[in-house]
Every structure is written in structure tokens, then in C-alpha cells.
Amino acid sequence: MISIAGRVVPVDTPLYHTTLRSWGIVNSYDGAVAILRFALSGGRHRDVRLTAGGFSQGIRVAYWHPPLELDLPTNSIVRYQRVVDLLVEEGL
């Protein structure tokens, strides 16, 4: 089994795929690779292979939830970075 953010990912777990901007369900495992399945129209489906950490083809694409997206100002992000650093210190 793979893990994402330190948590094991069992079969039937929903995961968010950032590139597809869609939720999929871990359908099965092929060795150390999770098969994330997306339902398509007409009874079809698409499978994406995920490795440890939620990576597919070397890019992190799978998360427990849609990732936080910030549109920060370009002039100075120092204060925002302090907030992020505090959250990391707290383990969040």
C-alpha cells in the first residue's frame, strides 16, 4: 500500500487528482502502486497509477483534499510565509 501525508491509503479511499481536478476512488493495488479510478460517462472509466506520496509519472497529483491555492501579491510575501511557517511548526 502507498501512503500520502503519512497516512496509509486503503482500497475504496477517495482521493483528489489535481491535474484532472476531480475525485477518484482507489480501486485496487498492483504491487506497491495504487490504481485510482475515475468514472466517465457511458459506464467507462479512467485509471491512474499512483506511487507513494501520491505521485504519478514523477509528479504529485493525489491529495486527501483539494490543495489550498493562494493567489499571493507579487511585491512581498514575507508575512504570508511567516503564517505558513507557523502552521508547519504546529504540524498542520
PDB file of N, CA and C in Angstrom:
ATOM      1  N   MET A   1       0.838  -1.194   0.000  1.00  0.00           N
ATOM      2  CA  MET A   1       0.000   0.000   0.000  1.00  0.00           C
ATOM      3  C   MET A   1       0.872   1.243   0.000  1.00  0.00           C
ATOM      4  N   ILE A   2       0.312   2.306  -0.552  1.00  0.00           N
ATOM      5  CA  ILE A   2       1.010   3.592  -0.532  1.00  0.00           C
ATOM      6  C   ILE A   2       0.499   4.416   0.644  1.00  0.00           C
ATOM      7  N   SER A   3       1.220   5.462   0.966  1.00  0.00           N
ATOM      8  CA  SER A   3       0.745   6.426   1.954  1.00  0.00           C
ATOM      9  C   SER A   3       0.888   7.826   1.362  1.00  0.00           C
ATOM     10  N   ILE A   4       0.007   8.699   1.797  1.00  0.00           N
ATOM     11  CA  ILE A   4       0.028  10.102   1.391  1.00  0.00           C
ATOM     12  C   ILE A   4      -0.031  10.924   2.675  1.00  0.00           C
ATOM     13  N   ALA A   5       0.901  11.836   2.821  1.00  0.00           N
ATOM     14  CA  ALA A   5       0.983  12.698   4.014  1.00  0.00           C
ATOM     15  C   ALA A   5       1.013  11.858   5.290  1.00  0.00           C
ATOM     16  N   GLY A   6       1.709  10.729   5.230  1.00  0.00           N
ATOM     17  CA  GLY A   6       1.883   9.898   6.410  1.00  0.00           C
ATOM     18  C   GLY A   6       0.731   8.974   6.743  1.00  0.00           C
ATOM     19  N   ARG A   7      -0.312   8.954   5.912  1.00  0.00           N
ATOM     20  CA  ARG A   7      -1.469   8.078   6.156  1.00  0.00           C
ATOM     21  C   ARG A   7      -1.566   7.032   5.059  1.00  0.00           C
ATOM     22  N   VAL A   8      -1.777   5.787   5.466  1.00  0.00           N
ATOM     23  CA  VAL A   8      -1.935   4.685   4.514  1.00  0.00           C
ATOM     24  C   VAL A   8      -3.219   4.897   3.713  1.00  0.00           C
ATOM     25  N   VAL A   9      -3.176   4.536   2.438  1.00  0.00           N
ATOM     26  CA  VAL A   9      -4.315   4.716   1.533  1.00  0.00           C
ATOM     27  C   VAL A   9      -4.917   3.351   1.203  1.00  0.00           C
ATOM     28  N   PRO A  10      -5.999   2.951   1.881  1.00  0.00           N
ATOM     29  CA  PRO A  10      -6.617   1.656   1.585  1.00  0.00           C
ATOM     30  C   PRO A  10      -7.499   1.710   0.326  1.00  0.00           C
ATOM     31  N   VAL A  11      -7.863   0.536  -0.160  1.00  0.00           N
ATOM     32  CA  VAL A  11      -8.800   0.428  -1.282  1.00  0.00           C
ATOM     33  C   VAL A  11     -10.119   1.089  -0.883  1.00  0.00           C
ATOM     34  N   ASP A  12     -10.797   1.684  -1.841  1.00  0.00           N
ATOM     35  CA  ASP A  12     -12.082   2.392  -1.689  1.00  0.00           C
ATOM     36  C   ASP A  12     -11.934   3.781  -1.080  1.00  0.00           C
ATOM     37  N   THR A  13     -10.720   4.288  -1.016  1.00  0.00           N
ATOM     38  CA  THR A  13     -10.484   5.626  -0.485  1.00  0.00           C
ATOM     39  C   THR A  13     -10.629   6.668  -1.589  1.00  0.00           C
ATOM     40  N   PRO A  14     -11.406   7.742  -1.363  1.00  0.00           N
ATOM     41  CA  PRO A  14     -11.457   8.824  -2.351  1.00  0.00           C
ATOM     42  C   PRO A  14     -10.217   9.709  -2.236  1.00  0.00           C
ATOM     43  N   LEU A  15      -9.648  10.080  -3.387  1.00  0.00           N
ATOM     44  CA  LEU A  15      -8.506  10.994  -3.449  1.00  0.00           C
ATOM     45  C   LEU A  15      -8.770  12.040  -4.526  1.00  0.00           C
ATOM     46  N   TYR A  16      -8.261  13.234  -4.307  1.00  0.00           N
ATOM     47  CA  TYR A  16      -8.412  14.326  -5.271  1.00  0.00           C
ATOM     48  C   TYR A  16      -7.192  14.365  -6.187  1.00  0.00           C
ATOM     49  N   HIS A  17      -7.439  14.425  -7.493  1.00  0.00           N
ATOM     50  CA  HIS A  17      -6.380  14.486  -8.506  1.00  0.00           C
ATOM     51  C   HIS A  17      -6.294  15.920  -9.021  1.00  0.00           C
ATOM     52  N   THR A  18      -5.136  16.566  -8.813  1.00  0.00           N
ATOM     53  CA  THR A  18      -5.021  17.992  -9.127  1.00  0.00           C
ATOM     54  C   THR A  18      -5.032  18.287 -10.625  1.00  0.00           C
ATOM     55  N   THR A  19      -4.452  17.437 -11.432  1.00  0.00           N
ATOM     56  CA  THR A  19      -4.422  17.697 -12.873  1.00  0.00           C
ATOM     57  C   THR A  19      -5.804  17.510 -13.491  1.00  0.00           C
ATOM     58  N   LEU A  20      -6.493  16.454 -13.071  1.00  0.00           N
ATOM     59  CA  LEU A  20      -7.836  16.184 -13.598  1.00  0.00           C
ATOM     60  C   LEU A  20      -8.903  17.013 -12.891  1.00  0.00           C
ATOM     61  N   ARG A  21      -8.520  17.628 -11.752  1.00  0.00           N
ATOM     62  CA  ARG A  21      -9.450  18.413 -10.927  1.00  0.00           C
ATOM     63  C   ARG A  21     -10.734  17.638 -10.677  1.00  0.00           C
ATOM     64  N   SER A  22     -10.520  16.409 -10.194  1.00  0.00           N
ATOM     65  CA  SER A  22     -11.637  15.500  -9.994  1.00  0.00           C
ATOM     66  C   SER A  22     -11.303  14.502  -8.886  1.00  0.00           C
ATOM     67  N   TRP A  23     -12.352  13.936  -8.308  1.00  0.00           N
ATOM     68  CA  TRP A  23     -12.189  12.901  -7.299  1.00  0.00           C
ATOM     69  C   TRP A  23     -12.192  11.529  -7.949  1.00  0.00           C
ATOM     70  N   GLY A  24     -11.303  10.684  -7.478  1.00  0.00           N
ATOM     71  CA  GLY A  24     -11.269   9.291  -7.909  1.00  0.00           C
ATOM     72  C   GLY A  24     -11.292   8.401  -6.678  1.00  0.00           C
ATOM     73  N   ILE A  25     -11.460   7.109  -6.902  1.00  0.00           N
ATOM     74  CA  ILE A  25     -11.502   6.130  -5.820  1.00  0.00           C
ATOM     75  C   ILE A  25     -10.372   5.129  -6.046  1.00  0.00           C
ATOM     76  N   VAL A  26      -9.615   4.840  -4.983  1.00  0.00           N
ATOM     77  CA  VAL A  26      -8.582   3.809  -5.089  1.00  0.00           C
ATOM     78  C   VAL A  26      -9.307   2.486  -5.297  1.00  0.00           C
ATOM     79  N   ASN A  27      -9.143   1.939  -6.493  1.00  0.00           N
ATOM     80  CA  ASN A  27      -9.867   0.747  -6.904  1.00  0.00           C
ATOM     81  C   ASN A  27      -9.156  -0.541  -6.500  1.00  0.00           C
ATOM     82  N   SER A  28      -7.818  -0.519  -6.575  1.00  0.00           N
ATOM     83  CA  SER A  28      -7.049  -1.723  -6.274  1.00  0.00           C
ATOM     84  C   SER A  28      -5.581  -1.354  -6.155  1.00  0.00           C
ATOM     85  N   TYR A  29      -4.772  -2.375  -5.918  1.00  0.00           N
ATOM     86  CA  TYR A  29      -3.323  -2.219  -5.875  1.00  0.00           C
ATOM     87  C   TYR A  29      -2.687  -3.191  -6.850  1.00  0.00           C
ATOM     88  N   ASP A  30      -1.626  -2.729  -7.471  1.00  0.00           N
ATOM     89  CA  ASP A  30      -0.787  -3.567  -8.324  1.00  0.00           C
ATOM     90  C   ASP A  30       0.609  -3.508  -7.714  1.00  0.00           C
ATOM     91  N   GLY A  31       0.878  -4.401  -6.782  1.00  0.00           N
ATOM     92  CA  GLY A  31       2.124  -4.336  -6.029  1.00  0.00           C
ATOM     93  C   GLY A  31       2.111  -3.105  -5.138  1.00  0.00           C
ATOM     94  N   ALA A  32       3.116  -2.240  -5.290  1.00  0.00           N
ATOM     95  CA  ALA A  32       3.225  -1.020  -4.482  1.00  0.00           C
ATOM     96  C   ALA A  32       2.613   0.182  -5.188  1.00  0.00           C
ATOM     97  N   VAL A  33       1.760  -0.055  -6.169  1.00  0.00           N
ATOM     98  CA  VAL A  33       1.130   1.015  -6.946  1.00  0.00           C
ATOM     99  C   VAL A  33      -0.380   0.969  -6.733  1.00  0.00           C
ATOM    100  N   ALA A  34      -0.955   2.114  -6.362  1.00  0.00           N
ATOM    101  CA  ALA A  34      -2.412   2.218  -6.202  1.00  0.00           C
ATOM    102  C   ALA A  34      -3.031   2.577  -7.546  1.00  0.00           C
ATOM    103  N   ILE A  35      -4.172   1.985  -7.844  1.00  0.00           N
ATOM    104  CA  ILE A  35      -4.918   2.300  -9.063  1.00  0.00           C
ATOM    105  C   ILE A  35      -6.078   3.215  -8.668  1.00  0.00           C
ATOM    106  N   LEU A  36      -5.989   4.481  -9.073  1.00  0.00           N
ATOM    107  CA  LEU A  36      -7.019   5.475  -8.785  1.00  0.00           C
ATOM    108  C   LEU A  36      -7.960   5.530  -9.983  1.00  0.00           C
ATOM    109  N   ARG A  37      -9.225   5.199  -9.761  1.00  0.00           N
ATOM    110  CA  ARG A  37     -10.197   5.084 -10.853  1.00  0.00           C
ATOM    111  C   ARG A  37     -11.167   6.262 -10.862  1.00  0.00           C
ATOM    112  N   PHE A  38     -11.401   6.784 -12.064  1.00  0.00           N
ATOM    113  CA  PHE A  38     -12.335   7.882 -12.291  1.00  0.00           C
ATOM    114  C   PHE A  38     -13.471   7.381 -13.176  1.00  0.00           C
ATOM    115  N   ALA A  39     -14.701   7.595 -12.736  1.00  0.00           N
ATOM    116  CA  ALA A  39     -15.868   7.204 -13.518  1.00  0.00           C
ATOM    117  C   ALA A  39     -16.091   8.205 -14.639  1.00  0.00           C
ATOM    118  N   LEU A  40     -16.293   7.701 -15.842  1.00  0.00           N
ATOM    119  CA  LEU A  40     -16.586   8.531 -17.007  1.00  0.00           C
ATOM    120  C   LEU A  40     -17.997   8.228 -17.487  1.00  0.00           C
ATOM    121  N   SER A  41     -18.474   8.957 -18.449  1.00  0.00           N
ATOM    122  CA  SER A  41     -19.817   8.726 -18.983  1.00  0.00           C
ATOM    123  C   SER A  41     -19.878   7.397 -19.736  1.00  0.00           C
ATOM    124  N   GLY A  42     -21.061   6.864 -19.833  1.00  0.00           N
ATOM    125  CA  GLY A  42     -21.275   5.642 -20.595  1.00  0.00           C
ATOM    126  C   GLY A  42     -20.706   4.396 -19.934  1.00  0.00           C
ATOM    127  N   GLY A  43     -20.526   4.444 -18.614  1.00  0.00           N
ATOM    128  CA  GLY A  43     -20.018   3.280 -17.906  1.00  0.00           C
ATOM    129  C   GLY A  43     -18.524   3.060 -18.068  1.00  0.00           C
ATOM    130  N   ARG A  44     -17.840   4.012 -18.711  1.00  0.00           N
ATOM    131  CA  ARG A  44     -16.393   3.886 -18.893  1.00  0.00           C
ATOM    132  C   ARG A  44     -15.667   4.415 -17.666  1.00  0.00           C
ATOM    133  N   HIS A  45     -14.373   4.152 -17.600  1.00  0.00           N
ATOM    134  CA  HIS A  45     -13.566   4.661 -16.502  1.00  0.00           C
ATOM    135  C   HIS A  45     -12.148   4.943 -16.986  1.00  0.00           C
ATOM    136  N   ARG A  46     -11.433   5.707 -16.169  1.00  0.00           N
ATOM    137  CA  ARG A  46     -10.027   6.010 -16.435  1.00  0.00           C
ATOM    138  C   ARG A  46      -9.241   5.651 -15.183  1.00  0.00           C
ATOM    139  N   ASP A  47      -8.148   4.943 -15.354  1.00  0.00           N
ATOM    140  CA  ASP A  47      -7.294   4.563 -14.242  1.00  0.00           C
ATOM    141  C   ASP A  47      -5.989   5.346 -14.273  1.00  0.00           C
ATOM    142  N   VAL A  48      -5.565   5.798 -13.088  1.00  0.00           N
ATOM    143  CA  VAL A  48      -4.289   6.487 -12.933  1.00  0.00           C
ATOM    144  C   VAL A  48      -3.487   5.710 -11.895  1.00  0.00           C
ATOM    145  N   ARG A  49      -2.236   5.428 -12.207  1.00  0.00           N
ATOM    146  CA  ARG A  49      -1.358   4.689 -11.306  1.00  0.00           C
ATOM    147  C   ARG A  49      -0.629   5.666 -10.389  1.00  0.00           C
ATOM    148  N   LEU A  50      -0.715   5.411  -9.077  1.00  0.00           N
ATOM    149  CA  LEU A  50      -0.104   6.281  -8.081  1.00  0.00           C
ATOM    150  C   LEU A  50       0.947   5.524  -7.284  1.00  0.00           C
ATOM    151  N   THR A  51       2.061   6.191  -7.055  1.00  0.00           N
ATOM    152  CA  THR A  51       3.091   5.639  -6.191  1.00  0.00           C
ATOM    153  C   THR A  51       3.071   6.374  -4.854  1.00  0.00           C
ATOM    154  N   ALA A  52       3.933   5.951  -3.943  1.00  0.00           N
ATOM    155  CA  ALA A  52       3.982   6.526  -2.598  1.00  0.00           C
ATOM    156  C   ALA A  52       4.041   8.045  -2.646  1.00  0.00           C
ATOM    157  N   GLY A  53       3.266   8.675  -1.789  1.00  0.00           N
ATOM    158  CA  GLY A  53       3.228  10.131  -1.726  1.00  0.00           C
ATOM    159  C   GLY A  53       2.210  10.752  -2.656  1.00  0.00           C
ATOM    160  N   GLY A  54       1.509   9.945  -3.461  1.00  0.00           N
ATOM    161  CA  GLY A  54       0.503  10.477  -4.386  1.00  0.00           C
ATOM    162  C   GLY A  54       1.073  10.915  -5.720  1.00  0.00           C
ATOM    163  N   PHE A  55       2.188  10.314  -6.129  1.00  0.00           N
ATOM    164  CA  PHE A  55       2.849  10.683  -7.381  1.00  0.00           C
ATOM    165  C   PHE A  55       2.375   9.825  -8.548  1.00  0.00           C
ATOM    166  N   SER A  56       2.288  10.452  -9.705  1.00  0.00           N
ATOM    167  CA  SER A  56       2.022   9.768 -10.962  1.00  0.00           C
ATOM    168  C   SER A  56       3.011  10.314 -11.983  1.00  0.00           C
ATOM    169  N   GLN A  57       3.814   9.445 -12.538  1.00  0.00           N
ATOM    170  CA  GLN A  57       4.842   9.826 -13.511  1.00  0.00           C
ATOM    171  C   GLN A  57       5.755  10.916 -12.957  1.00  0.00           C
ATOM    172  N   GLY A  58       6.088  10.798 -11.659  1.00  0.00           N
ATOM    173  CA  GLY A  58       7.024  11.714 -11.026  1.00  0.00           C
ATOM    174  C   GLY A  58       6.460  13.040 -10.567  1.00  0.00           C
ATOM    175  N   ILE A  59       5.145  13.224 -10.704  1.00  0.00           N
ATOM    176  CA  ILE A  59       4.512  14.486 -10.310  1.00  0.00           C
ATOM    177  C   ILE A  59       3.464  14.204  -9.245  1.00  0.00           C
ATOM    178  N   ARG A  60       3.467  14.984  -8.168  1.00  0.00           N
ATOM    179  CA  ARG A  60       2.467  14.818  -7.112  1.00  0.00           C
ATOM    180  C   ARG A  60       1.122  15.297  -7.635  1.00  0.00           C
ATOM    181  N   VAL A  61       0.163  14.375  -7.691  1.00  0.00           N
ATOM    182  CA  VAL A  61      -1.155  14.708  -8.226  1.00  0.00           C
ATOM    183  C   VAL A  61      -2.306  14.322  -7.298  1.00  0.00           C
ATOM    184  N   ALA A  62      -2.059  13.439  -6.333  1.00  0.00           N
ATOM    185  CA  ALA A  62      -3.151  12.934  -5.500  1.00  0.00           C
ATOM    186  C   ALA A  62      -3.042  13.473  -4.076  1.00  0.00           C
ATOM    187  N   TYR A  63      -4.168  13.934  -3.572  1.00  0.00           N
ATOM    188  CA  TYR A  63      -4.255  14.520  -2.237  1.00  0.00           C
ATOM    189  C   TYR A  63      -5.507  13.995  -1.541  1.00  0.00           C
ATOM    190  N   TRP A  64      -5.527  14.113  -0.217  1.00  0.00           N
ATOM    191  CA  TRP A  64      -6.708  13.752   0.556  1.00  0.00           C
ATOM    192  C   TRP A  64      -7.849  14.741   0.320  1.00  0.00           C
ATOM    193  N   HIS A  65      -7.518  15.936  -0.133  1.00  0.00           N
ATOM    194  CA  HIS A  65      -8.494  17.003  -0.335  1.00  0.00           C
ATOM    195  C   HIS A  65      -7.945  17.924  -1.413  1.00  0.00           C
ATOM    196  N   PRO A  66      -8.776  18.762  -2.012  1.00  0.00           N
ATOM    197  CA  PRO A  66      -8.230  19.732  -2.959  1.00  0.00           C
ATOM    198  C   PRO A  66      -7.209  20.615  -2.239  1.00  0.00           C
ATOM    199  N   PRO A  67      -6.016  20.765  -2.797  1.00  0.00           N
ATOM    200  CA  PRO A  67      -5.000  21.580  -2.119  1.00  0.00           C
ATOM    201  C   PRO A  67      -5.388  23.048  -2.063  1.00  0.00           C
ATOM    202  N   LEU A  68      -4.880  23.704  -1.044  1.00  0.00           N
ATOM    203  CA  LEU A  68      -5.110  25.127  -0.872  1.00  0.00           C
ATOM    204  C   LEU A  68      -4.345  25.895  -1.943  1.00  0.00           C
ATOM    205  N   GLU A  69      -5.026  26.752  -2.655  1.00  0.00           N
ATOM    206  CA  GLU A  69      -4.379  27.584  -3.669  1.00  0.00           C
ATOM    207  C   GLU A  69      -4.421  29.027  -3.210  1.00  0.00           C
ATOM    208  N   LEU A  70      -3.276  29.669  -3.212  1.00  0.00           N
ATOM    209  CA  LEU A  70      -3.192  31.062  -2.796  1.00  0.00           C
ATOM    210  C   LEU A  70      -2.733  31.923  -3.969  1.00  0.00           C
ATOM    211  N   ASP A  71      -3.411  33.027  -4.168  1.00  0.00           N
ATOM    212  CA  ASP A  71      -3.002  33.998  -5.176  1.00  0.00           C
ATOM    213  C   ASP A  71      -2.368  35.161  -4.424  1.00  0.00           C
ATOM    214  N   LEU A  72      -1.070  35.032  -4.172  1.00  0.00           N
ATOM    215  CA  LEU A  72      -0.370  35.999  -3.335  1.00  0.00           C
ATOM    216  C   LEU A  72       0.081  37.220  -4.133  1.00  0.00           C
ATOM    217  N   PRO A  73       0.208  38.350  -3.457  1.00  0.00           N
ATOM    218  CA  PRO A  73       0.721  39.546  -4.129  1.00  0.00           C
ATOM    219  C   PRO A  73       2.175  39.325  -4.541  1.00  0.00           C
ATOM    220  N   THR A  74       2.579  39.982  -5.587  1.00  0.00           N
ATOM    221  CA  THR A  74       3.941  39.783  -6.093  1.00  0.00           C
ATOM    222  C   THR A  74       4.976  40.637  -5.375  1.00  0.00           C
ATOM    223  N   ASN A  75       4.547  41.670  -4.670  1.00  0.00           N
ATOM    224  CA  ASN A  75       5.527  42.583  -4.073  1.00  0.00           C
ATOM    225  C   ASN A  75       6.195  42.021  -2.816  1.00  0.00           C
ATOM    226  N   SER A  76       5.454  41.404  -1.905  1.00  0.00           N
ATOM    227  CA  SER A  76       6.070  40.880  -0.692  1.00  0.00           C
ATOM    228  C   SER A  76       5.191  39.796  -0.082  1.00  0.00           C
ATOM    229  N   ILE A  77       5.771  38.630   0.096  1.00  0.00           N
ATOM    230  CA  ILE A  77       5.015  37.536   0.705  1.00  0.00           C
ATOM    231  C   ILE A  77       5.598  37.145   2.065  1.00  0.00           C
ATOM    232  N   VAL A  78       6.432  37.997   2.628  1.00  0.00           N
ATOM    233  CA  VAL A  78       7.114  37.676   3.880  1.00  0.00           C
ATOM    234  C   VAL A  78       6.118  37.358   4.990  1.00  0.00           C
ATOM    235  N   ARG A  79       5.082  38.175   5.141  1.00  0.00           N
ATOM    236  CA  ARG A  79       4.108  37.932   6.204  1.00  0.00           C
ATOM    237  C   ARG A  79       3.345  36.632   5.978  1.00  0.00           C
ATOM    238  N   TYR A  80       2.998  36.353   4.724  1.00  0.00           N
ATOM    239  CA  TYR A  80       2.311  35.095   4.410  1.00  0.00           C
ATOM    240  C   TYR A  80       3.212  33.903   4.728  1.00  0.00           C
ATOM    241  N   GLN A  81       4.484  34.020   4.409  1.00  0.00           N
ATOM    242  CA  GLN A  81       5.421  32.936   4.671  1.00  0.00           C
ATOM    243  C   GLN A  81       5.541  32.668   6.172  1.00  0.00           C
ATOM    244  N   ARG A  82       5.478  33.715   6.985  1.00  0.00           N
ATOM    245  CA  ARG A  82       5.519  33.532   8.437  1.00  0.00           C
ATOM    246  C   ARG A  82       4.335  32.691   8.918  1.00  0.00           C
ATOM    247  N   VAL A  83       3.162  32.952   8.363  1.00  0.00           N
ATOM    248  CA  VAL A  83       1.966  32.182   8.726  1.00  0.00           C
ATOM    249  C   VAL A  83       2.149  30.724   8.320  1.00  0.00           C
ATOM    250  N   VAL A  84       2.625  30.493   7.129  1.00  0.00           N
ATOM    251  CA  VAL A  84       2.855  29.123   6.660  1.00  0.00           C
ATOM    252  C   VAL A  84       3.879  28.435   7.552  1.00  0.00           C
ATOM    253  N   ASP A  85       4.957  29.125   7.893  1.00  0.00           N
ATOM    254  CA  ASP A  85       5.988  28.552   8.757  1.00  0.00           C
ATOM    255  C   ASP A  85       5.421  28.162  10.121  1.00  0.00           C
ATOM    256  N   LEU A  86       4.541  28.999  10.677  1.00  0.00           N
ATOM    257  CA  LEU A  86       3.911  28.683  11.961  1.00  0.00           C
ATOM    258  C   LEU A  86       3.022  27.444  11.856  1.00  0.00           C
ATOM    259  N   LEU A  87       2.288  27.325  10.765  1.00  0.00           N
ATOM    260  CA  LEU A  87       1.450  26.150  10.559  1.00  0.00           C
ATOM    261  C   LEU A  87       2.300  24.887  10.456  1.00  0.00           C
ATOM    262  N   VAL A  88       3.401  24.974   9.762  1.00  0.00           N
ATOM    263  CA  VAL A  88       4.300  23.825   9.629  1.00  0.00           C
ATOM    264  C   VAL A  88       4.861  23.440  10.998  1.00  0.00           C
ATOM    265  N   GLU A  89       5.243  24.425  11.786  1.00  0.00           N
ATOM    266  CA  GLU A  89       5.753  24.157  13.142  1.00  0.00           C
ATOM    267  C   GLU A  89       4.718  23.421  13.995  1.00  0.00           C
ATOM    268  N   GLU A  90       3.458  23.757  13.792  1.00  0.00           N
ATOM    269  CA  GLU A  90       2.371  23.115  14.554  1.00  0.00           C
ATOM    270  C   GLU A  90       2.010  21.742  13.990  1.00  0.00           C
ATOM    271  N   GLY A  91       2.583  21.385  12.864  1.00  0.00           N
ATOM    272  CA  GLY A  91       2.289  20.084  12.257  1.00  0.00           C
ATOM    273  C   GLY A  91       1.001  20.065  11.469  1.00  0.00           C
ATOM    274  N   LEU A  92       0.536  21.224  11.056  1.00  0.00           N
ATOM    275  CA  LEU A  92      -0.710  21.283  10.278  1.00  0.00           C
ATOM    276  C   LEU A  92      -0.441  21.304   8.795  1.00  0.00           C
TER     277      LEU A  92
END
